């Protein structure tokens, strides 16, 4: 089975310290690498306000992770993020390969 590119975006509790956020990000990165994948990027975006409250919480820390892995890894990450008390929301999407744009023809007036 070939590896595919994925992007995981998850929101963790706002009261967590940077060291705790780093531990959470490392735990999810380790799931990818332990299952035969590679993480190309894992970064903390910033703390942002929500458009609506989630369980009486008004803001959260957004973390994005890009990785390449077999198809079973996103399901395992989804399971672990769903049962984590620190993760408020998450999404994992498969990134499609983008082809080069076609050369545009000049527009005549």
PDB file of N, CA and C in Angstrom:
ATOM      1  N   UNK A   1       0.850  -1.178   0.000  1.00  0.00           N
ATOM      2  CA  UNK A   1       0.000   0.000   0.000  1.00  0.00           C
ATOM      3  C   UNK A   1       0.896   1.243   0.000  1.00  0.00           C
ATOM      4  N   UNK A   2       0.591   2.190  -0.855  1.00  0.00           N
ATOM      5  CA  UNK A   2       1.427   3.388  -0.945  1.00  0.00           C
ATOM      6  C   UNK A   2       0.987   4.437   0.076  1.00  0.00           C
ATOM      7  N   UNK A   3       1.922   5.292   0.390  1.00  0.00           N
ATOM      8  CA  UNK A   3       1.628   6.381   1.319  1.00  0.00           C
ATOM      9  C   UNK A   3       0.930   7.521   0.596  1.00  0.00           C
ATOM     10  N   UNK A   4       0.105   8.235   1.329  1.00  0.00           N
ATOM     11  CA  UNK A   4      -0.604   9.395   0.792  1.00  0.00           C
ATOM     12  C   UNK A   4      -0.332  10.594   1.686  1.00  0.00           C
ATOM     13  N   UNK A   5      -0.563  11.771   1.142  1.00  0.00           N
ATOM     14  CA  UNK A   5      -0.361  13.007   1.898  1.00  0.00           C
ATOM     15  C   UNK A   5      -1.651  13.398   2.611  1.00  0.00           C
ATOM     16  N   UNK A   6      -1.505  13.791   3.868  1.00  0.00           N
ATOM     17  CA  UNK A   6      -2.644  14.193   4.691  1.00  0.00           C
ATOM     18  C   UNK A   6      -2.318  15.476   5.432  1.00  0.00           C
ATOM     19  N   UNK A   7      -3.380  16.142   5.868  1.00  0.00           N
ATOM     20  CA  UNK A   7      -3.241  17.314   6.718  1.00  0.00           C
ATOM     21  C   UNK A   7      -4.201  17.141   7.888  1.00  0.00           C
ATOM     22  N   UNK A   8      -3.665  17.277   9.083  1.00  0.00           N
ATOM     23  CA  UNK A   8      -4.490  17.203  10.290  1.00  0.00           C
ATOM     24  C   UNK A   8      -4.491  18.574  10.951  1.00  0.00           C
ATOM     25  N   UNK A   9      -5.676  19.062  11.270  1.00  0.00           N
ATOM     26  CA  UNK A   9      -5.822  20.312  11.994  1.00  0.00           C
ATOM     27  C   UNK A   9      -6.602  19.987  13.257  1.00  0.00           C
ATOM     28  N   UNK A  10      -6.040  20.350  14.399  1.00  0.00           N
ATOM     29  CA  UNK A  10      -6.762  20.084  15.633  1.00  0.00           C
ATOM     30  C   UNK A  10      -6.621  21.256  16.590  1.00  0.00           C
ATOM     31  N   UNK A  11      -7.620  21.395  17.453  1.00  0.00           N
ATOM     32  CA  UNK A  11      -7.698  22.501  18.400  1.00  0.00           C
ATOM     33  C   UNK A  11      -7.614  21.926  19.801  1.00  0.00           C
ATOM     34  N   UNK A  12      -6.667  22.446  20.585  1.00  0.00           N
ATOM     35  CA  UNK A  12      -6.513  21.986  21.963  1.00  0.00           C
ATOM     36  C   UNK A  12      -6.939  23.091  22.922  1.00  0.00           C
ATOM     37  N   UNK A  13      -7.143  22.705  24.150  1.00  0.00           N
ATOM     38  CA  UNK A  13      -7.644  23.617  25.184  1.00  0.00           C
ATOM     39  C   UNK A  13      -6.766  24.870  25.322  1.00  0.00           C
ATOM     40  N   UNK A  14      -7.389  26.034  25.567  1.00  0.00           N
ATOM     41  CA  UNK A  14      -6.635  27.293  25.632  1.00  0.00           C
ATOM     42  C   UNK A  14      -5.760  27.434  26.872  1.00  0.00           C
ATOM     43  N   UNK A  15      -6.087  26.737  27.941  1.00  0.00           N
ATOM     44  CA  UNK A  15      -5.327  26.904  29.182  1.00  0.00           C
ATOM     45  C   UNK A  15      -4.025  26.100  29.213  1.00  0.00           C
ATOM     46  N   UNK A  16      -3.788  25.278  28.207  1.00  0.00           N
ATOM     47  CA  UNK A  16      -2.572  24.467  28.178  1.00  0.00           C
ATOM     48  C   UNK A  16      -1.340  25.330  27.927  1.00  0.00           C
ATOM     49  N   UNK A  17      -0.263  24.999  28.607  1.00  0.00           N
ATOM     50  CA  UNK A  17       1.009  25.692  28.420  1.00  0.00           C
ATOM     51  C   UNK A  17       1.683  25.176  27.154  1.00  0.00           C
ATOM     52  N   UNK A  18       2.645  25.938  26.637  1.00  0.00           N
ATOM     53  CA  UNK A  18       3.318  25.549  25.395  1.00  0.00           C
ATOM     54  C   UNK A  18       3.988  24.185  25.514  1.00  0.00           C
ATOM     55  N   UNK A  19       4.541  23.868  26.687  1.00  0.00           N
ATOM     56  CA  UNK A  19       5.187  22.567  26.878  1.00  0.00           C
ATOM     57  C   UNK A  19       4.175  21.432  26.770  1.00  0.00           C
ATOM     58  N   UNK A  20       2.972  21.644  27.301  1.00  0.00           N
ATOM     59  CA  UNK A  20       1.920  20.625  27.211  1.00  0.00           C
ATOM     60  C   UNK A  20       1.421  20.462  25.781  1.00  0.00           C
ATOM     61  N   UNK A  21       1.307  21.586  25.066  1.00  0.00           N
ATOM     62  CA  UNK A  21       0.888  21.535  23.665  1.00  0.00           C
ATOM     63  C   UNK A  21       1.930  20.785  22.843  1.00  0.00           C
ATOM     64  N   UNK A  22       3.210  21.037  23.126  1.00  0.00           N
ATOM     65  CA  UNK A  22       4.293  20.346  22.414  1.00  0.00           C
ATOM     66  C   UNK A  22       4.237  18.837  22.665  1.00  0.00           C
ATOM     67  N   UNK A  23       3.900  18.431  23.888  1.00  0.00           N
ATOM     68  CA  UNK A  23       3.781  16.996  24.203  1.00  0.00           C
ATOM     69  C   UNK A  23       2.640  16.350  23.410  1.00  0.00           C
ATOM     70  N   UNK A  24       1.525  17.064  23.308  1.00  0.00           N
ATOM     71  CA  UNK A  24       0.381  16.544  22.550  1.00  0.00           C
ATOM     72  C   UNK A  24       0.756  16.409  21.080  1.00  0.00           C
ATOM     73  N   UNK A  25       1.386  17.444  20.522  1.00  0.00           N
ATOM     74  CA  UNK A  25       1.793  17.408  19.113  1.00  0.00           C
ATOM     75  C   UNK A  25       2.795  16.289  18.872  1.00  0.00           C
ATOM     76  N   UNK A  26       3.713  16.085  19.814  1.00  0.00           N
ATOM     77  CA  UNK A  26       4.704  15.016  19.682  1.00  0.00           C
ATOM     78  C   UNK A  26       4.035  13.648  19.742  1.00  0.00           C
ATOM     79  N   UNK A  27       3.029  13.496  20.588  1.00  0.00           N
ATOM     80  CA  UNK A  27       2.314  12.220  20.698  1.00  0.00           C
ATOM     81  C   UNK A  27       1.640  11.857  19.377  1.00  0.00           C
ATOM     82  N   UNK A  28       0.977  12.819  18.739  1.00  0.00           N
ATOM     83  CA  UNK A  28       0.313  12.545  17.473  1.00  0.00           C
ATOM     84  C   UNK A  28       1.319  12.330  16.347  1.00  0.00           C
ATOM     85  N   UNK A  29       2.439  13.057  16.369  1.00  0.00           N
ATOM     86  CA  UNK A  29       3.498  12.844  15.373  1.00  0.00           C
ATOM     87  C   UNK A  29       4.086  11.450  15.513  1.00  0.00           C
ATOM     88  N   UNK A  30       4.226  10.992  16.753  1.00  0.00           N
ATOM     89  CA  UNK A  30       4.791   9.660  17.014  1.00  0.00           C
ATOM     90  C   UNK A  30       3.871   8.562  16.476  1.00  0.00           C
ATOM     91  N   UNK A  31       2.561   8.775  16.543  1.00  0.00           N
ATOM     92  CA  UNK A  31       1.614   7.809  15.981  1.00  0.00           C
ATOM     93  C   UNK A  31       1.876   7.644  14.487  1.00  0.00           C
ATOM     94  N   UNK A  32       2.114   8.745  13.805  1.00  0.00           N
ATOM     95  CA  UNK A  32       2.377   8.705  12.360  1.00  0.00           C
ATOM     96  C   UNK A  32       3.679   7.951  12.082  1.00  0.00           C
ATOM     97  N   UNK A  33       4.755   8.322  12.776  1.00  0.00           N
ATOM     98  CA  UNK A  33       6.062   7.706  12.499  1.00  0.00           C
ATOM     99  C   UNK A  33       6.103   6.245  12.932  1.00  0.00           C
ATOM    100  N   UNK A  34       5.433   5.896  14.012  1.00  0.00           N
ATOM    101  CA  UNK A  34       5.419   4.499  14.473  1.00  0.00           C
ATOM    102  C   UNK A  34       4.666   3.583  13.514  1.00  0.00           C
ATOM    103  N   UNK A  35       3.781   4.155  12.703  1.00  0.00           N
ATOM    104  CA  UNK A  35       2.990   3.369  11.755  1.00  0.00           C
ATOM    105  C   UNK A  35       3.492   3.496  10.316  1.00  0.00           C
ATOM    106  N   UNK A  36       4.757   3.874  10.159  1.00  0.00           N
ATOM    107  CA  UNK A  36       5.365   3.889   8.833  1.00  0.00           C
ATOM    108  C   UNK A  36       5.202   5.169   8.040  1.00  0.00           C
ATOM    109  N   UNK A  37       4.838   6.254   8.686  1.00  0.00           N
ATOM    110  CA  UNK A  37       4.664   7.528   7.995  1.00  0.00           C
ATOM    111  C   UNK A  37       5.758   8.516   8.346  1.00  0.00           C
ATOM    112  N   UNK A  38       5.713   9.665   7.710  1.00  0.00           N
ATOM    113  CA  UNK A  38       6.652  10.744   8.005  1.00  0.00           C
ATOM    114  C   UNK A  38       5.876  12.050   8.163  1.00  0.00           C
ATOM    115  N   UNK A  39       6.300  12.867   9.118  1.00  0.00           N
ATOM    116  CA  UNK A  39       5.677  14.168   9.358  1.00  0.00           C
ATOM    117  C   UNK A  39       6.542  15.226   8.688  1.00  0.00           C
ATOM    118  N   UNK A  40       5.962  15.962   7.746  1.00  0.00           N
ATOM    119  CA  UNK A  40       6.731  17.004   7.072  1.00  0.00           C
ATOM    120  C   UNK A  40       6.644  18.338   7.800  1.00  0.00           C
ATOM    121  N   UNK A  41       5.542  18.577   8.506  1.00  0.00           N
ATOM    122  CA  UNK A  41       5.384  19.837   9.230  1.00  0.00           C
ATOM    123  C   UNK A  41       4.392  19.642  10.367  1.00  0.00           C
ATOM    124  N   UNK A  42       4.740  20.162  11.530  1.00  0.00           N
ATOM    125  CA  UNK A  42       3.813  20.219  12.663  1.00  0.00           C
ATOM    126  C   UNK A  42       4.051  21.554  13.340  1.00  0.00           C
ATOM    127  N   UNK A  43       3.049  22.408  13.355  1.00  0.00           N
ATOM    128  CA  UNK A  43       3.248  23.753  13.872  1.00  0.00           C
ATOM    129  C   UNK A  43       2.026  24.244  14.632  1.00  0.00           C
ATOM    130  N   UNK A  44       2.299  25.036  15.659  1.00  0.00           N
ATOM    131  CA  UNK A  44       1.248  25.712  16.412  1.00  0.00           C
ATOM    132  C   UNK A  44       0.921  26.992  15.671  1.00  0.00           C
ATOM    133  N   UNK A  45      -0.322  27.135  15.245  1.00  0.00           N
ATOM    134  CA  UNK A  45      -0.710  28.373  14.572  1.00  0.00           C
ATOM    135  C   UNK A  45      -0.758  29.492  15.580  1.00  0.00           C
ATOM    136  N   UNK A  46      -1.755  29.491  16.401  1.00  0.00           N
ATOM    137  CA  UNK A  46      -1.912  30.495  17.440  1.00  0.00           C
ATOM    138  C   UNK A  46      -3.193  30.209  18.209  1.00  0.00           C
ATOM    139  N   UNK A  47      -3.390  30.969  19.274  1.00  0.00           N
ATOM    140  CA  UNK A  47      -4.650  30.875  20.019  1.00  0.00           C
ATOM    141  C   UNK A  47      -5.637  31.801  19.326  1.00  0.00           C
ATOM    142  N   UNK A  48      -6.829  31.277  19.014  1.00  0.00           N
ATOM    143  CA  UNK A  48      -7.836  32.059  18.305  1.00  0.00           C
ATOM    144  C   UNK A  48      -9.189  31.934  18.998  1.00  0.00           C
ATOM    145  N   UNK A  49     -10.001  32.981  18.840  1.00  0.00           N
ATOM    146  CA  UNK A  49     -11.363  32.944  19.358  1.00  0.00           C
ATOM    147  C   UNK A  49     -12.229  32.135  18.410  1.00  0.00           C
ATOM    148  N   UNK A  50     -13.187  31.410  18.973  1.00  0.00           N
ATOM    149  CA  UNK A  50     -14.125  30.623  18.178  1.00  0.00           C
ATOM    150  C   UNK A  50     -15.286  31.499  17.718  1.00  0.00           C
ATOM    151  N   UNK A  51     -15.917  31.097  16.652  1.00  0.00           N
ATOM    152  CA  UNK A  51     -17.122  31.779  16.188  1.00  0.00           C
ATOM    153  C   UNK A  51     -18.282  31.485  17.144  1.00  0.00           C
ATOM    154  N   UNK A  52     -18.225  30.308  17.777  1.00  0.00           N
ATOM    155  CA  UNK A  52     -19.232  29.938  18.767  1.00  0.00           C
ATOM    156  C   UNK A  52     -18.543  29.112  19.844  1.00  0.00           C
ATOM    157  N   UNK A  53     -19.114  29.084  21.035  1.00  0.00           N
ATOM    158  CA  UNK A  53     -18.514  28.358  22.148  1.00  0.00           C
ATOM    159  C   UNK A  53     -18.596  26.847  21.939  1.00  0.00           C
ATOM    160  N   UNK A  54     -17.569  26.156  22.390  1.00  0.00           N
ATOM    161  CA  UNK A  54     -17.541  24.697  22.391  1.00  0.00           C
ATOM    162  C   UNK A  54     -17.416  24.264  23.848  1.00  0.00           C
ATOM    163  N   UNK A  55     -18.461  23.704  24.389  1.00  0.00           N
ATOM    164  CA  UNK A  55     -18.477  23.283  25.799  1.00  0.00           C
ATOM    165  C   UNK A  55     -18.056  24.410  26.736  1.00  0.00           C
ATOM    166  N   UNK A  56     -18.619  25.601  26.532  1.00  0.00           N
ATOM    167  CA  UNK A  56     -18.339  26.807  27.326  1.00  0.00           C
ATOM    168  C   UNK A  56     -16.906  27.311  27.183  1.00  0.00           C
ATOM    169  N   UNK A  57     -16.207  26.897  26.166  1.00  0.00           N
ATOM    170  CA  UNK A  57     -14.843  27.375  25.895  1.00  0.00           C
ATOM    171  C   UNK A  57     -14.925  28.312  24.703  1.00  0.00           C
ATOM    172  N   UNK A  58     -14.286  29.481  24.821  1.00  0.00           N
ATOM    173  CA  UNK A  58     -14.423  30.522  23.803  1.00  0.00           C
ATOM    174  C   UNK A  58     -13.232  30.636  22.855  1.00  0.00           C
ATOM    175  N   UNK A  59     -12.107  29.962  23.156  1.00  0.00           N
ATOM    176  CA  UNK A  59     -10.931  30.025  22.295  1.00  0.00           C
ATOM    177  C   UNK A  59     -10.125  28.747  22.421  1.00  0.00           C
ATOM    178  N   UNK A  60      -9.186  28.557  21.506  1.00  0.00           N
ATOM    179  CA  UNK A  60      -8.364  27.354  21.545  1.00  0.00           C
ATOM    180  C   UNK A  60      -7.073  27.537  20.769  1.00  0.00           C
ATOM    181  N   UNK A  61      -6.126  26.639  20.998  1.00  0.00           N
ATOM    182  CA  UNK A  61      -4.843  26.633  20.292  1.00  0.00           C
ATOM    183  C   UNK A  61      -4.953  25.731  19.075  1.00  0.00           C
ATOM    184  N   UNK A  62      -4.692  26.298  17.911  1.00  0.00           N
ATOM    185  CA  UNK A  62      -4.783  25.556  16.648  1.00  0.00           C
ATOM    186  C   UNK A  62      -3.422  24.964  16.297  1.00  0.00           C
ATOM    187  N   UNK A  63      -3.400  23.679  15.954  1.00  0.00           N
ATOM    188  CA  UNK A  63      -2.178  22.989  15.560  1.00  0.00           C
ATOM    189  C   UNK A  63      -2.428  22.325  14.208  1.00  0.00           C
ATOM    190  N   UNK A  64      -1.471  22.488  13.300  1.00  0.00           N
ATOM    191  CA  UNK A  64      -1.582  21.872  11.984  1.00  0.00           C
ATOM    192  C   UNK A  64      -0.416  20.907  11.801  1.00  0.00           C
ATOM    193  N   UNK A  65      -0.722  19.755  11.198  1.00  0.00           N
ATOM    194  CA  UNK A  65       0.314  18.748  10.955  1.00  0.00           C
ATOM    195  C   UNK A  65       0.124  18.189   9.546  1.00  0.00           C
ATOM    196  N   UNK A  66       1.167  18.288   8.733  1.00  0.00           N
ATOM    197  CA  UNK A  66       1.165  17.681   7.404  1.00  0.00           C
ATOM    198  C   UNK A  66       2.007  16.419   7.488  1.00  0.00           C
ATOM    199  N   UNK A  67       1.484  15.321   6.922  1.00  0.00           N
ATOM    200  CA  UNK A  67       2.218  14.067   7.003  1.00  0.00           C
ATOM    201  C   UNK A  67       1.915  13.179   5.812  1.00  0.00           C
ATOM    202  N   UNK A  68       2.802  12.217   5.600  1.00  0.00           N
ATOM    203  CA  UNK A  68       2.635  11.206   4.558  1.00  0.00           C
ATOM    204  C   UNK A  68       2.602   9.865   5.277  1.00  0.00           C
ATOM    205  N   UNK A  69       1.575   9.063   4.989  1.00  0.00           N
ATOM    206  CA  UNK A  69       1.410   7.811   5.725  1.00  0.00           C
ATOM    207  C   UNK A  69       0.491   6.858   4.974  1.00  0.00           C
ATOM    208  N   UNK A  70       0.506   5.580   5.377  1.00  0.00           N
ATOM    209  CA  UNK A  70      -0.448   4.622   4.821  1.00  0.00           C
ATOM    210  C   UNK A  70      -1.877   5.004   5.224  1.00  0.00           C
ATOM    211  N   UNK A  71      -2.854   4.466   4.533  1.00  0.00           N
ATOM    212  CA  UNK A  71      -4.250   4.813   4.750  1.00  0.00           C
ATOM    213  C   UNK A  71      -4.810   4.468   6.113  1.00  0.00           C
ATOM    214  N   UNK A  72      -4.149   3.607   6.873  1.00  0.00           N
ATOM    215  CA  UNK A  72      -4.659   3.233   8.193  1.00  0.00           C
ATOM    216  C   UNK A  72      -4.334   4.269   9.266  1.00  0.00           C
ATOM    217  N   UNK A  73      -3.338   5.106   9.016  1.00  0.00           N
ATOM    218  CA  UNK A  73      -2.884   6.065  10.028  1.00  0.00           C
ATOM    219  C   UNK A  73      -3.940   7.138  10.338  1.00  0.00           C
ATOM    220  N   UNK A  74      -4.594   7.749   9.336  1.00  0.00           N
ATOM    221  CA  UNK A  74      -5.612   8.748   9.679  1.00  0.00           C
ATOM    222  C   UNK A  74      -6.737   8.199  10.560  1.00  0.00           C
ATOM    223  N   UNK A  75      -7.119   6.968  10.348  1.00  0.00           N
ATOM    224  CA  UNK A  75      -8.172   6.370  11.184  1.00  0.00           C
ATOM    225  C   UNK A  75      -7.703   6.242  12.631  1.00  0.00           C
ATOM    226  N   UNK A  76      -6.451   5.862  12.829  1.00  0.00           N
ATOM    227  CA  UNK A  76      -5.904   5.733  14.188  1.00  0.00           C
ATOM    228  C   UNK A  76      -5.769   7.115  14.832  1.00  0.00           C
ATOM    229  N   UNK A  77      -5.284   8.094  14.082  1.00  0.00           N
ATOM    230  CA  UNK A  77      -5.195   9.459  14.614  1.00  0.00           C
ATOM    231  C   UNK A  77      -6.573   9.983  14.987  1.00  0.00           C
ATOM    232  N   UNK A  78      -7.558   9.755  14.141  1.00  0.00           N
ATOM    233  CA  UNK A  78      -8.921  10.182  14.404  1.00  0.00           C
ATOM    234  C   UNK A  78      -9.437   9.566  15.705  1.00  0.00           C
ATOM    235  N   UNK A  79      -9.177   8.288  15.889  1.00  0.00           N
ATOM    236  CA  UNK A  79      -9.616   7.599  17.113  1.00  0.00           C
ATOM    237  C   UNK A  79      -8.962   8.208  18.348  1.00  0.00           C
ATOM    238  N   UNK A  80      -7.653   8.450  18.278  1.00  0.00           N
ATOM    239  CA  UNK A  80      -6.935   8.991  19.430  1.00  0.00           C
ATOM    240  C   UNK A  80      -7.332  10.436  19.738  1.00  0.00           C
ATOM    241  N   UNK A  81      -7.554  11.225  18.697  1.00  0.00           N
ATOM    242  CA  UNK A  81      -7.963  12.618  18.913  1.00  0.00           C
ATOM    243  C   UNK A  81      -9.369  12.685  19.495  1.00  0.00           C
ATOM    244  N   UNK A  82     -10.233  11.776  19.066  1.00  0.00           N
ATOM    245  CA  UNK A  82     -11.614  11.755  19.553  1.00  0.00           C
ATOM    246  C   UNK A  82     -11.681  11.433  21.046  1.00  0.00           C
ATOM    247  N   UNK A  83     -10.792  10.576  21.533  1.00  0.00           N
ATOM    248  CA  UNK A  83     -10.858  10.193  22.952  1.00  0.00           C
ATOM    249  C   UNK A  83      -9.986  11.071  23.849  1.00  0.00           C
ATOM    250  N   UNK A  84      -9.204  11.978  23.262  1.00  0.00           N
ATOM    251  CA  UNK A  84      -8.350  12.866  24.050  1.00  0.00           C
ATOM    252  C   UNK A  84      -9.189  13.990  24.666  1.00  0.00           C
ATOM    253  N   UNK A  85      -9.025  14.202  25.964  1.00  0.00           N
ATOM    254  CA  UNK A  85      -9.754  15.276  26.639  1.00  0.00           C
ATOM    255  C   UNK A  85      -9.221  16.653  26.265  1.00  0.00           C
ATOM    256  N   UNK A  86      -7.976  16.725  25.811  1.00  0.00           N
ATOM    257  CA  UNK A  86      -7.357  18.011  25.481  1.00  0.00           C
ATOM    258  C   UNK A  86      -7.723  18.509  24.092  1.00  0.00           C
ATOM    259  N   UNK A  87      -8.155  17.619  23.195  1.00  0.00           N
ATOM    260  CA  UNK A  87      -8.512  18.010  21.830  1.00  0.00           C
ATOM    261  C   UNK A  87      -9.998  18.359  21.786  1.00  0.00           C
ATOM    262  N   UNK A  88     -10.276  19.625  21.429  1.00  0.00           N
ATOM    263  CA  UNK A  88     -11.665  20.083  21.367  1.00  0.00           C
ATOM    264  C   UNK A  88     -12.328  19.725  20.044  1.00  0.00           C
ATOM    265  N   UNK A  89     -11.621  19.947  18.941  1.00  0.00           N
ATOM    266  CA  UNK A  89     -12.107  19.616  17.602  1.00  0.00           C
ATOM    267  C   UNK A  89     -10.917  19.192  16.756  1.00  0.00           C
ATOM    268  N   UNK A  90     -11.182  18.385  15.732  1.00  0.00           N
ATOM    269  CA  UNK A  90     -10.110  17.974  14.819  1.00  0.00           C
ATOM    270  C   UNK A  90     -10.681  17.584  13.468  1.00  0.00           C
ATOM    271  N   UNK A  91      -9.825  17.640  12.478  1.00  0.00           N
ATOM    272  CA  UNK A  91     -10.174  17.166  11.147  1.00  0.00           C
ATOM    273  C   UNK A  91      -8.900  16.668  10.472  1.00  0.00           C
ATOM    274  N   UNK A  92      -9.049  15.615   9.699  1.00  0.00           N
ATOM    275  CA  UNK A  92      -7.930  15.048   8.942  1.00  0.00           C
ATOM    276  C   UNK A  92      -8.403  14.910   7.502  1.00  0.00           C
ATOM    277  N   UNK A  93      -7.667  15.522   6.581  1.00  0.00           N
ATOM    278  CA  UNK A  93      -8.056  15.474   5.173  1.00  0.00           C
ATOM    279  C   UNK A  93      -6.912  14.940   4.326  1.00  0.00           C
ATOM    280  N   UNK A  94      -7.298  14.227   3.277  1.00  0.00           N
ATOM    281  CA  UNK A  94      -6.309  13.730   2.316  1.00  0.00           C
ATOM    282  C   UNK A  94      -6.046  14.854   1.340  1.00  0.00           C
ATOM    283  N   UNK A  95      -4.776  15.135   1.083  1.00  0.00           N
ATOM    284  CA  UNK A  95      -4.421  16.179   0.136  1.00  0.00           C
ATOM    285  C   UNK A  95      -4.265  15.575  -1.246  1.00  0.00           C
ATOM    286  N   UNK A  96      -4.984  16.134  -2.177  1.00  0.00           N
ATOM    287  CA  UNK A  96      -4.897  15.682  -3.561  1.00  0.00           C
ATOM    288  C   UNK A  96      -3.657  16.282  -4.205  1.00  0.00           C
ATOM    289  N   UNK A  97      -3.091  15.546  -5.153  1.00  0.00           N
ATOM    290  CA  UNK A  97      -1.955  16.080  -5.885  1.00  0.00           C
ATOM    291  C   UNK A  97      -2.463  17.164  -6.818  1.00  0.00           C
ATOM    292  N   UNK A  98      -1.781  18.288  -6.809  1.00  0.00           N
ATOM    293  CA  UNK A  98      -2.180  19.421  -7.629  1.00  0.00           C
ATOM    294  C   UNK A  98      -1.338  19.417  -8.898  1.00  0.00           C
ATOM    295  N   UNK A  99      -2.008  19.425 -10.034  1.00  0.00           N
ATOM    296  CA  UNK A  99      -1.273  19.480 -11.301  1.00  0.00           C
ATOM    297  C   UNK A  99      -0.950  20.929 -11.624  1.00  0.00           C
ATOM    298  N   UNK A 100       0.054  21.136 -12.445  1.00  0.00           N
ATOM    299  CA  UNK A 100       0.453  22.485 -12.833  1.00  0.00           C
ATOM    300  C   UNK A 100      -0.669  23.127 -13.639  1.00  0.00           C
ATOM    301  N   UNK A 101      -0.928  24.415 -13.410  1.00  0.00           N
ATOM    302  CA  UNK A 101      -2.007  25.078 -14.153  1.00  0.00           C
ATOM    303  C   UNK A 101      -1.636  25.182 -15.638  1.00  0.00           C
ATOM    304  N   UNK A 102      -2.642  25.082 -16.475  1.00  0.00           N
ATOM    305  CA  UNK A 102      -2.434  25.185 -17.920  1.00  0.00           C
ATOM    306  C   UNK A 102      -2.061  26.625 -18.272  1.00  0.00           C
ATOM    307  N   UNK A 103      -1.323  26.753 -19.326  1.00  0.00           N
ATOM    308  CA  UNK A 103      -0.915  28.080 -19.796  1.00  0.00           C
ATOM    309  C   UNK A 103      -2.177  28.840 -20.248  1.00  0.00           C
ATOM    310  N   UNK A 104      -2.352  30.032 -19.744  1.00  0.00           N
ATOM    311  CA  UNK A 104      -3.539  30.833 -20.069  1.00  0.00           C
ATOM    312  C   UNK A 104      -3.381  31.461 -21.458  1.00  0.00           C
ATOM    313  N   UNK A 105      -4.429  31.424 -22.238  1.00  0.00           N
ATOM    314  CA  UNK A 105      -4.414  32.065 -23.554  1.00  0.00           C
ATOM    315  C   UNK A 105      -4.686  33.556 -23.381  1.00  0.00           C
ATOM    316  N   UNK A 106      -4.039  34.385 -24.180  1.00  0.00           N
ATOM    317  CA  UNK A 106      -4.284  35.831 -24.045  1.00  0.00           C
ATOM    318  C   UNK A 106      -5.734  36.161 -24.413  1.00  0.00           C
ATOM    319  N   UNK A 107      -6.292  37.135 -23.726  1.00  0.00           N
ATOM    320  CA  UNK A 107      -7.668  37.562 -23.961  1.00  0.00           C
ATOM    321  C   UNK A 107      -7.626  38.785 -24.869  1.00  0.00           C
ATOM    322  N   UNK A 108      -8.388  38.733 -25.935  1.00  0.00           N
ATOM    323  CA  UNK A 108      -8.429  39.883 -26.843  1.00  0.00           C
ATOM    324  C   UNK A 108      -9.632  40.746 -26.513  1.00  0.00           C
ATOM    325  N   UNK A 109      -9.406  42.042 -26.552  1.00  0.00           N
ATOM    326  CA  UNK A 109     -10.471  42.995 -26.214  1.00  0.00           C
ATOM    327  C   UNK A 109     -11.354  43.311 -27.382  1.00  0.00           C
TER     328      UNK A 109
END
